[in-house]
Amino acid sequence: DPLFGDQAFLLAEAQRRAQDWAGAEAAYSLYAGLNPRDPRTYGPLAGVLQTLGRPAEAVAAAKAFTDFWPEDPEAWRLYAEQLHTVDPAAARLAFAKAAQVKDLADARKSVSPQP
């Protein structure tokens, strides 16, 4: 039911704003399971997991974003930021990937279609 998924996302957002970290994590996780390709989920979920002291899970949430959206530079930036908390050397590679993906995205935007 799509409406249920939307309600789970709205609940997660409300719980995050109220600093109910465990409730927010549960609702974001539910929403991610129902709508895994929705990029809105992964940044807040990773942040909540960091707040809960679960950095490895935060990295996994951010990595899921890159798995679903490999051409999104924001996905790679989020992953690099989360990865930096557990492995700064590996994070440098992820930041480089974010820059590479951004450059490719910018290049695609600048190419005008031929009539």
Protein backbone atom coordinates (compact mmCIF):
# COMPACT_ATOMS: atom_id res chain seq x y z
CA ASP A 1 0.00 0.00 0.00
CA PRO A 2 1.75 3.23 -1.13
CA LEU A 3 -0.15 5.30 1.43
CA PHE A 4 1.25 3.17 4.26
CA GLY A 5 4.76 3.78 2.95
CA ASP A 6 4.21 7.53 2.87
CA GLN A 7 2.87 7.42 6.40
CA ALA A 8 5.97 5.53 7.54
CA PHE A 9 8.19 8.21 6.01
CA LEU A 10 6.21 11.05 7.61
CA LEU A 11 6.30 9.25 10.96
CA ALA A 12 10.07 8.82 10.64
CA GLU A 13 10.50 12.53 9.92
CA ALA A 14 8.33 13.51 12.89
CA GLN A 15 10.18 11.17 15.22
CA ARG A 16 13.55 12.45 14.02
CA ARG A 17 12.48 16.05 14.65
CA ALA A 18 11.27 15.03 18.13
CA GLN A 19 14.63 13.32 18.71
CA ASP A 20 12.99 9.94 19.16
CA TRP A 21 15.98 8.26 17.57
CA ALA A 22 14.90 4.65 18.05
CA GLY A 23 11.43 5.38 16.69
CA ALA A 24 12.87 7.28 13.74
CA GLU A 25 15.26 4.44 12.94
CA ALA A 26 12.44 1.90 13.00
CA ALA A 27 10.20 4.02 10.76
CA TYR A 28 12.98 4.89 8.28
CA SER A 29 13.99 1.24 8.11
CA LEU A 30 10.39 0.23 7.46
CA TYR A 31 10.07 2.86 4.75
CA ALA A 32 13.37 1.84 3.15
CA GLY A 33 12.14 -1.74 3.03
CA LEU A 34 8.91 -0.68 1.35
CA ASN A 35 10.50 1.89 -0.99
CA PRO A 36 14.18 1.02 -1.36
CA ARG A 37 14.70 3.24 -4.41
CA ASP A 38 13.52 6.43 -2.67
CA PRO A 39 16.66 8.48 -2.08
CA ARG A 40 15.01 10.61 0.62
CA THR A 41 15.46 7.81 3.14
CA TYR A 42 19.18 7.17 3.28
CA GLY A 43 20.59 10.47 4.52
CA PRO A 44 18.26 10.79 7.50
CA LEU A 45 18.53 7.07 8.29
CA ALA A 46 22.33 7.26 8.27
CA GLY A 47 22.23 10.32 10.52
CA VAL A 48 19.91 8.63 12.99
CA LEU A 49 22.10 5.52 13.06
CA GLN A 50 25.17 7.70 13.75
CA THR A 51 23.28 9.39 16.58
CA LEU A 52 22.42 5.98 18.00
CA GLY A 53 26.13 5.09 17.99
CA ARG A 54 25.88 2.59 15.16
CA PRO A 55 28.35 3.92 12.60
CA ALA A 56 28.78 0.66 10.68
CA GLU A 57 25.03 0.53 10.08
CA ALA A 58 25.06 4.19 9.05
CA VAL A 59 27.72 3.37 6.47
CA ALA A 60 25.60 0.46 5.22
CA ALA A 61 22.56 2.74 4.85
CA ALA A 62 24.61 5.26 2.89
CA LYS A 63 26.09 2.48 0.74
CA ALA A 64 22.58 1.30 -0.12
CA PHE A 65 21.96 4.79 -1.55
CA THR A 66 24.94 4.37 -3.93
CA ASP A 67 23.78 0.87 -4.86
CA PHE A 68 20.37 2.15 -5.94
CA TRP A 69 21.59 5.46 -7.43
CA PRO A 70 25.20 4.94 -8.61
CA GLU A 71 25.12 8.01 -10.86
CA ASP A 72 24.01 10.40 -8.09
CA PRO A 73 26.91 12.45 -6.72
CA GLU A 74 24.91 13.18 -3.55
CA ALA A 75 24.71 9.44 -2.87
CA TRP A 76 28.49 9.15 -3.06
CA ARG A 77 29.02 12.26 -0.91
CA LEU A 78 26.73 10.85 1.80
CA TYR A 79 28.52 7.50 1.64
CA ALA A 80 31.93 9.18 1.90
CA GLU A 81 30.84 11.26 4.90
CA GLN A 82 29.51 8.22 6.73
CA LEU A 83 32.50 6.08 5.77
CA HIS A 84 34.85 8.74 7.14
CA THR A 85 33.62 7.95 10.66
CA VAL A 86 34.93 4.37 10.46
CA ASP A 87 37.62 4.39 7.74
CA PRO A 88 39.03 7.80 6.73
CA ALA A 89 41.37 6.30 4.11
CA ALA A 90 38.51 4.53 2.34
CA ALA A 91 36.43 7.68 2.61
CA ARG A 92 38.97 9.57 0.48
CA LEU A 93 38.27 7.12 -2.35
CA ALA A 94 34.52 7.58 -1.93
CA PHE A 95 34.92 11.39 -1.99
CA ALA A 96 36.93 11.02 -5.20
CA LYS A 97 34.14 8.88 -6.66
CA ALA A 98 31.61 11.55 -5.66
CA ALA A 99 33.64 14.17 -7.52
CA GLN A 100 33.98 11.90 -10.56
CA VAL A 101 30.24 11.20 -10.66
CA LYS A 102 29.49 14.91 -10.26
CA ASP A 103 31.84 15.78 -13.13
CA LEU A 104 30.11 13.20 -15.34
CA ALA A 105 26.68 14.51 -14.37
CA ASP A 106 27.76 18.10 -15.08
CA ALA A 107 29.22 17.08 -18.45
CA ARG A 108 25.96 15.38 -19.42
CA LYS A 109 23.99 18.50 -18.51
CA SER A 110 26.23 20.74 -20.60
CA VAL A 111 25.81 18.68 -23.75
CA SER A 112 22.90 20.06 -25.70
CA PRO A 113 20.83 17.68 -27.79
CA GLN A 114 21.26 17.90 -31.55
CA PRO A 115 18.15 18.88 -33.54
